[in-house]
């Protein structure tokens, strides 16, 4: 029985013999951004370690840390390299800010 055009179009075709797809330019760009973007929290980490904790929410940064941890677990389980890289760095950055807040001003009781 001949196949319809829809059946032909939706049939999965391997991109390579190994079954792995090649990285596209978008994949490469996302991987680069996944490394660079978490460092946007670096100025905040520097500020809190310099004693400038006014207006910085400990609860928010603890929440960011928890979210990044969840996303890291998801990325590892689904084997998504950009998520693994980005959220690993985010965990470090979030932890730095939380530690900086705790060391230089705020505490859980002064929220």
PDB file of N, CA and C in Angstrom:
ATOM      1  N   UNK A   1       0.841  -1.170   0.000  1.00  0.00           N
ATOM      2  CA  UNK A   1       0.000   0.000   0.000  1.00  0.00           C
ATOM      3  C   UNK A   1       0.891   1.240   0.000  1.00  0.00           C
ATOM      4  N   UNK A   2       0.660   2.160  -0.921  1.00  0.00           N
ATOM      5  CA  UNK A   2       1.488   3.377  -0.966  1.00  0.00           C
ATOM      6  C   UNK A   2       1.194   4.289   0.227  1.00  0.00           C
ATOM      7  N   UNK A   3       2.227   5.032   0.619  1.00  0.00           N
ATOM      8  CA  UNK A   3       2.090   5.947   1.747  1.00  0.00           C
ATOM      9  C   UNK A   3       1.620   7.314   1.260  1.00  0.00           C
ATOM     10  N   UNK A   4       0.863   7.981   2.129  1.00  0.00           N
ATOM     11  CA  UNK A   4       0.390   9.317   1.807  1.00  0.00           C
ATOM     12  C   UNK A   4       1.530  10.309   2.062  1.00  0.00           C
ATOM     13  N   UNK A   5       1.451  11.526   1.496  1.00  0.00           N
ATOM     14  CA  UNK A   5       2.491  12.540   1.754  1.00  0.00           C
ATOM     15  C   UNK A   5       2.641  12.862   3.244  1.00  0.00           C
ATOM     16  N   UNK A   6       1.544  12.818   3.992  1.00  0.00           N
ATOM     17  CA  UNK A   6       1.621  13.109   5.429  1.00  0.00           C
ATOM     18  C   UNK A   6       2.403  12.017   6.142  1.00  0.00           C
ATOM     19  N   UNK A   7       2.171  10.773   5.794  1.00  0.00           N
ATOM     20  CA  UNK A   7       2.906   9.670   6.403  1.00  0.00           C
ATOM     21  C   UNK A   7       4.398   9.758   6.071  1.00  0.00           C
ATOM     22  N   UNK A   8       4.707  10.142   4.859  1.00  0.00           N
ATOM     23  CA  UNK A   8       6.110  10.269   4.450  1.00  0.00           C
ATOM     24  C   UNK A   8       6.774  11.420   5.205  1.00  0.00           C
ATOM     25  N   UNK A   9       6.065  12.570   5.332  1.00  0.00           N
ATOM     26  CA  UNK A   9       6.636  13.755   5.983  1.00  0.00           C
ATOM     27  C   UNK A   9       6.837  13.556   7.476  1.00  0.00           C
ATOM     28  N   UNK A  10       5.972  12.779   8.105  1.00  0.00           N
ATOM     29  CA  UNK A  10       6.076  12.608   9.556  1.00  0.00           C
ATOM     30  C   UNK A  10       6.925  11.416   9.963  1.00  0.00           C
ATOM     31  N   UNK A  11       7.387  10.641   9.010  1.00  0.00           N
ATOM     32  CA  UNK A  11       8.236   9.496   9.332  1.00  0.00           C
ATOM     33  C   UNK A  11       9.589  10.002   9.822  1.00  0.00           C
ATOM     34  N   UNK A  12      10.043   9.476  10.951  1.00  0.00           N
ATOM     35  CA  UNK A  12      11.322   9.906  11.519  1.00  0.00           C
ATOM     36  C   UNK A  12      12.468   9.382  10.675  1.00  0.00           C
ATOM     37  N   UNK A  13      13.381  10.283  10.387  1.00  0.00           N
ATOM     38  CA  UNK A  13      14.559   9.926   9.612  1.00  0.00           C
ATOM     39  C   UNK A  13      15.793  10.280  10.416  1.00  0.00           C
ATOM     40  N   UNK A  14      16.733   9.353  10.564  1.00  0.00           N
ATOM     41  CA  UNK A  14      17.966   9.693  11.295  1.00  0.00           C
ATOM     42  C   UNK A  14      18.791  10.697  10.515  1.00  0.00           C
ATOM     43  N   UNK A  15      19.381  11.651  11.229  1.00  0.00           N
ATOM     44  CA  UNK A  15      20.207  12.664  10.581  1.00  0.00           C
ATOM     45  C   UNK A  15      21.617  12.151  10.298  1.00  0.00           C
ATOM     46  N   UNK A  16      22.048  11.212  11.101  1.00  0.00           N
ATOM     47  CA  UNK A  16      23.352  10.586  10.908  1.00  0.00           C
ATOM     48  C   UNK A  16      23.216   9.106  11.212  1.00  0.00           C
ATOM     49  N   UNK A  17      24.229   8.363  10.851  1.00  0.00           N
ATOM     50  CA  UNK A  17      24.207   6.942  11.160  1.00  0.00           C
ATOM     51  C   UNK A  17      24.177   6.705  12.662  1.00  0.00           C
ATOM     52  N   UNK A  18      24.845   7.571  13.414  1.00  0.00           N
ATOM     53  CA  UNK A  18      24.906   7.392  14.861  1.00  0.00           C
ATOM     54  C   UNK A  18      23.589   7.771  15.538  1.00  0.00           C
ATOM     55  N   UNK A  19      22.702   8.443  14.826  1.00  0.00           N
ATOM     56  CA  UNK A  19      21.447   8.853  15.412  1.00  0.00           C
ATOM     57  C   UNK A  19      21.524  10.198  16.130  1.00  0.00           C
ATOM     58  N   UNK A  20      22.720  10.765  16.282  1.00  0.00           N
ATOM     59  CA  UNK A  20      22.879  12.059  16.932  1.00  0.00           C
ATOM     60  C   UNK A  20      22.751  13.160  15.896  1.00  0.00           C
ATOM     61  N   UNK A  21      22.129  14.254  16.290  1.00  0.00           N
ATOM     62  CA  UNK A  21      21.999  15.361  15.350  1.00  0.00           C
ATOM     63  C   UNK A  21      23.200  16.289  15.484  1.00  0.00           C
ATOM     64  N   UNK A  22      23.603  16.899  14.372  1.00  0.00           N
ATOM     65  CA  UNK A  22      24.733  17.830  14.436  1.00  0.00           C
ATOM     66  C   UNK A  22      24.311  19.136  15.108  1.00  0.00           C
ATOM     67  N   UNK A  23      25.265  19.795  15.723  1.00  0.00           N
ATOM     68  CA  UNK A  23      24.979  21.090  16.341  1.00  0.00           C
ATOM     69  C   UNK A  23      24.781  22.138  15.262  1.00  0.00           C
ATOM     70  N   UNK A  24      23.751  22.949  15.425  1.00  0.00           N
ATOM     71  CA  UNK A  24      23.499  24.048  14.509  1.00  0.00           C
ATOM     72  C   UNK A  24      24.130  25.312  15.092  1.00  0.00           C
ATOM     73  N   UNK A  25      24.105  26.386  14.336  1.00  0.00           N
ATOM     74  CA  UNK A  25      24.620  27.658  14.841  1.00  0.00           C
ATOM     75  C   UNK A  25      23.803  28.139  16.038  1.00  0.00           C
ATOM     76  N   UNK A  26      22.494  27.879  16.017  1.00  0.00           N
ATOM     77  CA  UNK A  26      21.652  28.261  17.149  1.00  0.00           C
ATOM     78  C   UNK A  26      22.052  27.470  18.402  1.00  0.00           C
ATOM     79  N   UNK A  27      22.332  26.178  18.239  1.00  0.00           N
ATOM     80  CA  UNK A  27      22.786  25.363  19.372  1.00  0.00           C
ATOM     81  C   UNK A  27      24.067  25.934  19.969  1.00  0.00           C
ATOM     82  N   UNK A  28      24.989  26.301  19.109  1.00  0.00           N
ATOM     83  CA  UNK A  28      26.261  26.867  19.582  1.00  0.00           C
ATOM     84  C   UNK A  28      26.038  28.200  20.296  1.00  0.00           C
ATOM     85  N   UNK A  29      25.162  29.037  19.738  1.00  0.00           N
ATOM     86  CA  UNK A  29      24.875  30.338  20.354  1.00  0.00           C
ATOM     87  C   UNK A  29      24.239  30.164  21.725  1.00  0.00           C
ATOM     88  N   UNK A  30      23.308  29.233  21.837  1.00  0.00           N
ATOM     89  CA  UNK A  30      22.651  28.989  23.123  1.00  0.00           C
ATOM     90  C   UNK A  30      23.667  28.482  24.146  1.00  0.00           C
ATOM     91  N   UNK A  31      24.580  27.640  23.734  1.00  0.00           N
ATOM     92  CA  UNK A  31      25.599  27.139  24.652  1.00  0.00           C
ATOM     93  C   UNK A  31      26.504  28.272  25.136  1.00  0.00           C
ATOM     94  N   UNK A  32      26.895  29.177  24.239  1.00  0.00           N
ATOM     95  CA  UNK A  32      27.732  30.319  24.625  1.00  0.00           C
ATOM     96  C   UNK A  32      26.976  31.223  25.602  1.00  0.00           C
ATOM     97  N   UNK A  33      25.722  31.516  25.289  1.00  0.00           N
ATOM     98  CA  UNK A  33      24.919  32.374  26.158  1.00  0.00           C
ATOM     99  C   UNK A  33      24.671  31.702  27.507  1.00  0.00           C
ATOM    100  N   UNK A  34      24.534  30.380  27.510  1.00  0.00           N
ATOM    101  CA  UNK A  34      24.300  29.676  28.768  1.00  0.00           C
ATOM    102  C   UNK A  34      25.492  29.787  29.710  1.00  0.00           C
ATOM    103  N   UNK A  35      26.672  30.041  29.167  1.00  0.00           N
ATOM    104  CA  UNK A  35      27.858  30.255  29.991  1.00  0.00           C
ATOM    105  C   UNK A  35      27.956  31.720  30.423  1.00  0.00           C
ATOM    106  N   UNK A  36      27.667  32.634  29.518  1.00  0.00           N
ATOM    107  CA  UNK A  36      27.847  34.061  29.787  1.00  0.00           C
ATOM    108  C   UNK A  36      26.739  34.641  30.671  1.00  0.00           C
ATOM    109  N   UNK A  37      25.492  34.283  30.402  1.00  0.00           N
ATOM    110  CA  UNK A  37      24.345  34.900  31.072  1.00  0.00           C
ATOM    111  C   UNK A  37      24.379  34.826  32.601  1.00  0.00           C
ATOM    112  N   UNK A  38      24.716  33.708  33.209  1.00  0.00           N
ATOM    113  CA  UNK A  38      24.726  33.676  34.677  1.00  0.00           C
ATOM    114  C   UNK A  38      25.686  34.678  35.320  1.00  0.00           C
ATOM    115  N   UNK A  39      26.694  35.079  34.589  1.00  0.00           N
ATOM    116  CA  UNK A  39      27.645  36.041  35.143  1.00  0.00           C
ATOM    117  C   UNK A  39      27.045  37.446  35.247  1.00  0.00           C
ATOM    118  N   UNK A  40      25.797  37.606  34.792  1.00  0.00           N
ATOM    119  CA  UNK A  40      25.117  38.887  34.982  1.00  0.00           C
ATOM    120  C   UNK A  40      24.848  39.140  36.467  1.00  0.00           C
ATOM    121  N   UNK A  41      24.927  38.115  37.296  1.00  0.00           N
ATOM    122  CA  UNK A  41      24.739  38.274  38.742  1.00  0.00           C
ATOM    123  C   UNK A  41      26.039  38.657  39.449  1.00  0.00           C
ATOM    124  N   UNK A  42      27.139  38.677  38.724  1.00  0.00           N
ATOM    125  CA  UNK A  42      28.430  38.989  39.339  1.00  0.00           C
ATOM    126  C   UNK A  42      28.460  40.379  39.987  1.00  0.00           C
ATOM    127  N   UNK A  43      27.945  41.434  39.361  1.00  0.00           N
ATOM    128  CA  UNK A  43      27.935  42.742  40.036  1.00  0.00           C
ATOM    129  C   UNK A  43      27.173  42.723  41.369  1.00  0.00           C
ATOM    130  N   UNK A  44      26.092  41.957  41.433  1.00  0.00           N
ATOM    131  CA  UNK A  44      25.336  41.849  42.678  1.00  0.00           C
ATOM    132  C   UNK A  44      26.159  41.130  43.744  1.00  0.00           C
ATOM    133  N   UNK A  45      26.858  40.071  43.350  1.00  0.00           N
ATOM    134  CA  UNK A  45      27.708  39.339  44.297  1.00  0.00           C
ATOM    135  C   UNK A  45      28.824  40.244  44.825  1.00  0.00           C
ATOM    136  N   UNK A  46      29.437  41.008  43.937  1.00  0.00           N
ATOM    137  CA  UNK A  46      30.498  41.933  44.353  1.00  0.00           C
ATOM    138  C   UNK A  46      29.928  42.976  45.310  1.00  0.00           C
ATOM    139  N   UNK A  47      28.760  43.494  45.003  1.00  0.00           N
ATOM    140  CA  UNK A  47      28.139  44.526  45.845  1.00  0.00           C
ATOM    141  C   UNK A  47      27.846  43.996  47.251  1.00  0.00           C
ATOM    142  N   UNK A  48      27.272  42.801  47.353  1.00  0.00           N
ATOM    143  CA  UNK A  48      26.930  42.299  48.685  1.00  0.00           C
ATOM    144  C   UNK A  48      28.178  41.943  49.491  1.00  0.00           C
ATOM    145  N   UNK A  49      29.235  41.511  48.826  1.00  0.00           N
ATOM    146  CA  UNK A  49      30.481  41.241  49.543  1.00  0.00           C
ATOM    147  C   UNK A  49      31.191  42.536  49.927  1.00  0.00           C
ATOM    148  N   UNK A  50      30.811  43.630  49.283  1.00  0.00           N
ATOM    149  CA  UNK A  50      31.350  44.949  49.651  1.00  0.00           C
ATOM    150  C   UNK A  50      30.530  45.606  50.748  1.00  0.00           C
ATOM    151  N   UNK A  51      29.500  44.921  51.227  1.00  0.00           N
ATOM    152  CA  UNK A  51      28.681  45.444  52.308  1.00  0.00           C
ATOM    153  C   UNK A  51      27.427  46.173  51.871  1.00  0.00           C
ATOM    154  N   UNK A  52      27.164  46.216  50.570  1.00  0.00           N
ATOM    155  CA  UNK A  52      25.986  46.929  50.068  1.00  0.00           C
ATOM    156  C   UNK A  52      24.812  45.953  49.936  1.00  0.00           C
ATOM    157  N   UNK A  53      24.175  45.661  51.064  1.00  0.00           N
ATOM    158  CA  UNK A  53      23.082  44.694  51.057  1.00  0.00           C
ATOM    159  C   UNK A  53      21.706  45.336  51.121  1.00  0.00           C
ATOM    160  N   UNK A  54      21.657  46.647  51.265  1.00  0.00           N
ATOM    161  CA  UNK A  54      20.362  47.316  51.352  1.00  0.00           C
ATOM    162  C   UNK A  54      19.603  47.158  50.040  1.00  0.00           C
ATOM    163  N   UNK A  55      18.368  46.713  50.153  1.00  0.00           N
ATOM    164  CA  UNK A  55      17.532  46.523  48.970  1.00  0.00           C
ATOM    165  C   UNK A  55      17.718  45.185  48.284  1.00  0.00           C
ATOM    166  N   UNK A  56      18.587  44.338  48.814  1.00  0.00           N
ATOM    167  CA  UNK A  56      18.819  43.020  48.224  1.00  0.00           C
ATOM    168  C   UNK A  56      18.014  42.008  49.033  1.00  0.00           C
ATOM    169  N   UNK A  57      17.169  41.271  48.372  1.00  0.00           N
ATOM    170  CA  UNK A  57      16.269  40.350  49.054  1.00  0.00           C
ATOM    171  C   UNK A  57      16.895  38.968  49.208  1.00  0.00           C
ATOM    172  N   UNK A  58      17.085  38.570  50.445  1.00  0.00           N
ATOM    173  CA  UNK A  58      17.619  37.242  50.737  1.00  0.00           C
ATOM    174  C   UNK A  58      16.655  36.162  50.262  1.00  0.00           C
ATOM    175  N   UNK A  59      15.368  36.376  50.497  1.00  0.00           N
ATOM    176  CA  UNK A  59      14.371  35.379  50.083  1.00  0.00           C
ATOM    177  C   UNK A  59      14.395  35.183  48.569  1.00  0.00           C
ATOM    178  N   UNK A  60      14.497  36.274  47.812  1.00  0.00           N
ATOM    179  CA  UNK A  60      14.537  36.163  46.347  1.00  0.00           C
ATOM    180  C   UNK A  60      15.732  35.350  45.889  1.00  0.00           C
ATOM    181  N   UNK A  61      16.904  35.651  46.431  1.00  0.00           N
ATOM    182  CA  UNK A  61      18.115  34.944  45.997  1.00  0.00           C
ATOM    183  C   UNK A  61      18.103  33.488  46.434  1.00  0.00           C
ATOM    184  N   UNK A  62      17.492  33.190  47.572  1.00  0.00           N
ATOM    185  CA  UNK A  62      17.346  31.792  47.978  1.00  0.00           C
ATOM    186  C   UNK A  62      16.381  31.062  47.039  1.00  0.00           C
ATOM    187  N   UNK A  63      15.344  31.763  46.613  1.00  0.00           N
ATOM    188  CA  UNK A  63      14.396  31.189  45.651  1.00  0.00           C
ATOM    189  C   UNK A  63      15.091  30.938  44.308  1.00  0.00           C
ATOM    190  N   UNK A  64      15.894  31.904  43.840  1.00  0.00           N
ATOM    191  CA  UNK A  64      16.645  31.715  42.596  1.00  0.00           C
ATOM    192  C   UNK A  64      17.544  30.485  42.691  1.00  0.00           C
ATOM    193  N   UNK A  65      18.195  30.310  43.847  1.00  0.00           N
ATOM    194  CA  UNK A  65      19.069  29.164  44.074  1.00  0.00           C
ATOM    195  C   UNK A  65      18.279  27.857  43.960  1.00  0.00           C
ATOM    196  N   UNK A  66      17.106  27.813  44.591  1.00  0.00           N
ATOM    197  CA  UNK A  66      16.283  26.603  44.542  1.00  0.00           C
ATOM    198  C   UNK A  66      15.805  26.305  43.114  1.00  0.00           C
ATOM    199  N   UNK A  67      15.412  27.343  42.394  1.00  0.00           N
ATOM    200  CA  UNK A  67      14.966  27.163  41.007  1.00  0.00           C
ATOM    201  C   UNK A  67      16.100  26.657  40.122  1.00  0.00           C
ATOM    202  N   UNK A  68      17.276  27.246  40.261  1.00  0.00           N
ATOM    203  CA  UNK A  68      18.421  26.803  39.467  1.00  0.00           C
ATOM    204  C   UNK A  68      18.768  25.354  39.783  1.00  0.00           C
ATOM    205  N   UNK A  69      18.634  24.958  41.036  1.00  0.00           N
ATOM    206  CA  UNK A  69      18.902  23.572  41.419  1.00  0.00           C
ATOM    207  C   UNK A  69      17.915  22.622  40.753  1.00  0.00           C
ATOM    208  N   UNK A  70      16.647  23.010  40.754  1.00  0.00           N
ATOM    209  CA  UNK A  70      15.627  22.187  40.103  1.00  0.00           C
ATOM    210  C   UNK A  70      15.888  22.091  38.597  1.00  0.00           C
ATOM    211  N   UNK A  71      16.203  23.221  37.965  1.00  0.00           N
ATOM    212  CA  UNK A  71      16.483  23.214  36.535  1.00  0.00           C
ATOM    213  C   UNK A  71      17.732  22.398  36.211  1.00  0.00           C
ATOM    214  N   UNK A  72      18.714  22.414  37.099  1.00  0.00           N
ATOM    215  CA  UNK A  72      19.920  21.605  36.883  1.00  0.00           C
ATOM    216  C   UNK A  72      19.570  20.121  36.907  1.00  0.00           C
ATOM    217  N   UNK A  73      18.785  19.713  37.873  1.00  0.00           N
ATOM    218  CA  UNK A  73      18.376  18.304  37.948  1.00  0.00           C
ATOM    219  C   UNK A  73      17.617  17.909  36.678  1.00  0.00           C
ATOM    220  N   UNK A  74      16.715  18.774  36.246  1.00  0.00           N
ATOM    221  CA  UNK A  74      15.957  18.506  35.024  1.00  0.00           C
ATOM    222  C   UNK A  74      16.898  18.394  33.811  1.00  0.00           C
ATOM    223  N   UNK A  75      17.836  19.337  33.704  1.00  0.00           N
ATOM    224  CA  UNK A  75      18.775  19.324  32.582  1.00  0.00           C
ATOM    225  C   UNK A  75      19.634  18.080  32.568  1.00  0.00           C
ATOM    226  N   UNK A  76      20.058  17.622  33.737  1.00  0.00           N
ATOM    227  CA  UNK A  76      20.867  16.402  33.818  1.00  0.00           C
ATOM    228  C   UNK A  76      20.025  15.191  33.423  1.00  0.00           C
ATOM    229  N   UNK A  77      18.812  15.128  33.945  1.00  0.00           N
ATOM    230  CA  UNK A  77      17.948  13.977  33.628  1.00  0.00           C
ATOM    231  C   UNK A  77      17.579  13.926  32.155  1.00  0.00           C
ATOM    232  N   UNK A  78      17.385  15.099  31.535  1.00  0.00           N
ATOM    233  CA  UNK A  78      17.012  15.162  30.113  1.00  0.00           C
ATOM    234  C   UNK A  78      18.216  15.295  29.186  1.00  0.00           C
ATOM    235  N   UNK A  79      19.403  15.396  29.784  1.00  0.00           N
ATOM    236  CA  UNK A  79      20.663  15.532  29.032  1.00  0.00           C
ATOM    237  C   UNK A  79      20.638  16.733  28.090  1.00  0.00           C
ATOM    238  N   UNK A  80      20.398  17.908  28.685  1.00  0.00           N
ATOM    239  CA  UNK A  80      20.353  19.163  27.932  1.00  0.00           C
ATOM    240  C   UNK A  80      21.581  19.981  28.342  1.00  0.00           C
ATOM    241  N   UNK A  81      22.668  19.919  27.559  1.00  0.00           N
ATOM    242  CA  UNK A  81      23.913  20.585  27.952  1.00  0.00           C
ATOM    243  C   UNK A  81      23.777  22.065  28.312  1.00  0.00           C
ATOM    244  N   UNK A  82      23.053  22.892  27.537  1.00  0.00           N
ATOM    245  CA  UNK A  82      22.961  24.302  27.926  1.00  0.00           C
ATOM    246  C   UNK A  82      22.323  24.496  29.307  1.00  0.00           C
ATOM    247  N   UNK A  83      21.324  23.692  29.631  1.00  0.00           N
ATOM    248  CA  UNK A  83      20.688  23.801  30.951  1.00  0.00           C
ATOM    249  C   UNK A  83      21.649  23.378  32.054  1.00  0.00           C
ATOM    250  N   UNK A  84      22.427  22.349  31.792  1.00  0.00           N
ATOM    251  CA  UNK A  84      23.378  21.865  32.792  1.00  0.00           C
ATOM    252  C   UNK A  84      24.433  22.932  33.061  1.00  0.00           C
ATOM    253  N   UNK A  85      24.999  23.466  32.001  1.00  0.00           N
ATOM    254  CA  UNK A  85      26.052  24.477  32.140  1.00  0.00           C
ATOM    255  C   UNK A  85      25.508  25.729  32.817  1.00  0.00           C
ATOM    256  N   UNK A  86      24.425  26.265  32.274  1.00  0.00           N
ATOM    257  CA  UNK A  86      23.876  27.521  32.775  1.00  0.00           C
ATOM    258  C   UNK A  86      23.456  27.417  34.236  1.00  0.00           C
ATOM    259  N   UNK A  87      22.732  26.387  34.571  1.00  0.00           N
ATOM    260  CA  UNK A  87      22.223  26.286  35.937  1.00  0.00           C
ATOM    261  C   UNK A  87      23.301  25.902  36.938  1.00  0.00           C
ATOM    262  N   UNK A  88      24.349  25.233  36.505  1.00  0.00           N
ATOM    263  CA  UNK A  88      25.482  24.988  37.403  1.00  0.00           C
ATOM    264  C   UNK A  88      26.131  26.312  37.799  1.00  0.00           C
ATOM    265  N   UNK A  89      26.308  27.184  36.808  1.00  0.00           N
ATOM    266  CA  UNK A  89      26.906  28.491  37.093  1.00  0.00           C
ATOM    267  C   UNK A  89      25.944  29.345  37.921  1.00  0.00           C
ATOM    268  N   UNK A  90      24.634  29.285  37.600  1.00  0.00           N
ATOM    269  CA  UNK A  90      23.650  30.047  38.366  1.00  0.00           C
ATOM    270  C   UNK A  90      23.659  29.635  39.832  1.00  0.00           C
ATOM    271  N   UNK A  91      23.799  28.355  40.112  1.00  0.00           N
ATOM    272  CA  UNK A  91      23.831  27.892  41.505  1.00  0.00           C
ATOM    273  C   UNK A  91      24.996  28.536  42.241  1.00  0.00           C
ATOM    274  N   UNK A  92      26.146  28.570  41.601  1.00  0.00           N
ATOM    275  CA  UNK A  92      27.320  29.197  42.224  1.00  0.00           C
ATOM    276  C   UNK A  92      27.068  30.688  42.450  1.00  0.00           C
ATOM    277  N   UNK A  93      26.558  31.375  41.439  1.00  0.00           N
ATOM    278  CA  UNK A  93      26.321  32.819  41.560  1.00  0.00           C
ATOM    279  C   UNK A  93      25.265  33.120  42.631  1.00  0.00           C
ATOM    280  N   UNK A  94      24.177  32.352  42.629  1.00  0.00           N
ATOM    281  CA  UNK A  94      23.131  32.567  43.627  1.00  0.00           C
ATOM    282  C   UNK A  94      23.660  32.309  45.031  1.00  0.00           C
ATOM    283  N   UNK A  95      24.447  31.253  45.176  1.00  0.00           N
ATOM    284  CA  UNK A  95      25.024  30.940  46.496  1.00  0.00           C
ATOM    285  C   UNK A  95      25.955  32.051  46.953  1.00  0.00           C
ATOM    286  N   UNK A  96      26.745  32.610  46.034  1.00  0.00           N
ATOM    287  CA  UNK A  96      27.625  33.721  46.400  1.00  0.00           C
ATOM    288  C   UNK A  96      26.831  34.911  46.937  1.00  0.00           C
ATOM    289  N   UNK A  97      25.755  35.244  46.261  1.00  0.00           N
ATOM    290  CA  UNK A  97      24.944  36.381  46.703  1.00  0.00           C
ATOM    291  C   UNK A  97      24.310  36.084  48.060  1.00  0.00           C
ATOM    292  N   UNK A  98      23.770  34.892  48.239  1.00  0.00           N
ATOM    293  CA  UNK A  98      23.146  34.536  49.525  1.00  0.00           C
ATOM    294  C   UNK A  98      24.171  34.600  50.648  1.00  0.00           C
ATOM    295  N   UNK A  99      25.348  34.026  50.430  1.00  0.00           N
ATOM    296  CA  UNK A  99      26.402  34.054  51.458  1.00  0.00           C
ATOM    297  C   UNK A  99      26.824  35.493  51.733  1.00  0.00           C
ATOM    298  N   UNK A 100      26.957  36.287  50.682  1.00  0.00           N
ATOM    299  CA  UNK A 100      27.329  37.690  50.857  1.00  0.00           C
ATOM    300  C   UNK A 100      26.310  38.461  51.672  1.00  0.00           C
ATOM    301  N   UNK A 101      25.039  38.197  51.419  1.00  0.00           N
ATOM    302  CA  UNK A 101      23.980  38.867  52.190  1.00  0.00           C
ATOM    303  C   UNK A 101      24.062  38.457  53.655  1.00  0.00           C
ATOM    304  N   UNK A 102      24.224  37.171  53.902  1.00  0.00           N
ATOM    305  CA  UNK A 102      24.266  36.680  55.283  1.00  0.00           C
ATOM    306  C   UNK A 102      25.494  37.183  56.040  1.00  0.00           C
ATOM    307  N   UNK A 103      26.611  37.294  55.347  1.00  0.00           N
ATOM    308  CA  UNK A 103      27.837  37.752  56.002  1.00  0.00           C
ATOM    309  C   UNK A 103      27.874  39.260  56.230  1.00  0.00           C
ATOM    310  N   UNK A 104      27.187  40.003  55.390  1.00  0.00           N
ATOM    311  CA  UNK A 104      27.341  41.461  55.413  1.00  0.00           C
ATOM    312  C   UNK A 104      26.052  42.222  55.663  1.00  0.00           C
ATOM    313  N   UNK A 105      25.228  41.750  56.524  1.00  0.00           N
ATOM    314  CA  UNK A 105      24.104  42.603  56.862  1.00  0.00           C
ATOM    315  C   UNK A 105      22.826  41.909  57.202  1.00  0.00           C
ATOM    316  N   UNK A 106      22.234  41.274  56.238  1.00  0.00           N
ATOM    317  CA  UNK A 106      20.896  40.710  56.460  1.00  0.00           C
ATOM    318  C   UNK A 106      21.000  39.355  57.148  1.00  0.00           C
ATOM    319  N   UNK A 107      19.938  39.005  57.782  1.00  0.00           N
ATOM    320  CA  UNK A 107      19.820  37.659  58.340  1.00  0.00           C
ATOM    321  C   UNK A 107      18.389  37.216  58.115  1.00  0.00           C
ATOM    322  N   UNK A 108      18.102  35.986  58.413  1.00  0.00           N
ATOM    323  CA  UNK A 108      16.750  35.488  58.220  1.00  0.00           C
ATOM    324  C   UNK A 108      15.747  36.225  59.097  1.00  0.00           C
ATOM    325  N   UNK A 109      16.194  36.735  60.235  1.00  0.00           N
ATOM    326  CA  UNK A 109      15.272  37.431  61.133  1.00  0.00           C
ATOM    327  C   UNK A 109      15.040  38.884  60.744  1.00  0.00           C
ATOM    328  N   UNK A 110      15.907  39.451  59.912  1.00  0.00           N
ATOM    329  CA  UNK A 110      15.747  40.862  59.534  1.00  0.00           C
ATOM    330  C   UNK A 110      15.192  41.031  58.137  1.00  0.00           C
ATOM    331  N   UNK A 111      14.391  40.092  57.690  1.00  0.00           N
ATOM    332  CA  UNK A 111      13.804  40.192  56.358  1.00  0.00           C
ATOM    333  C   UNK A 111      12.675  41.188  56.400  1.00  0.00           C
TER     334      UNK A 111
END
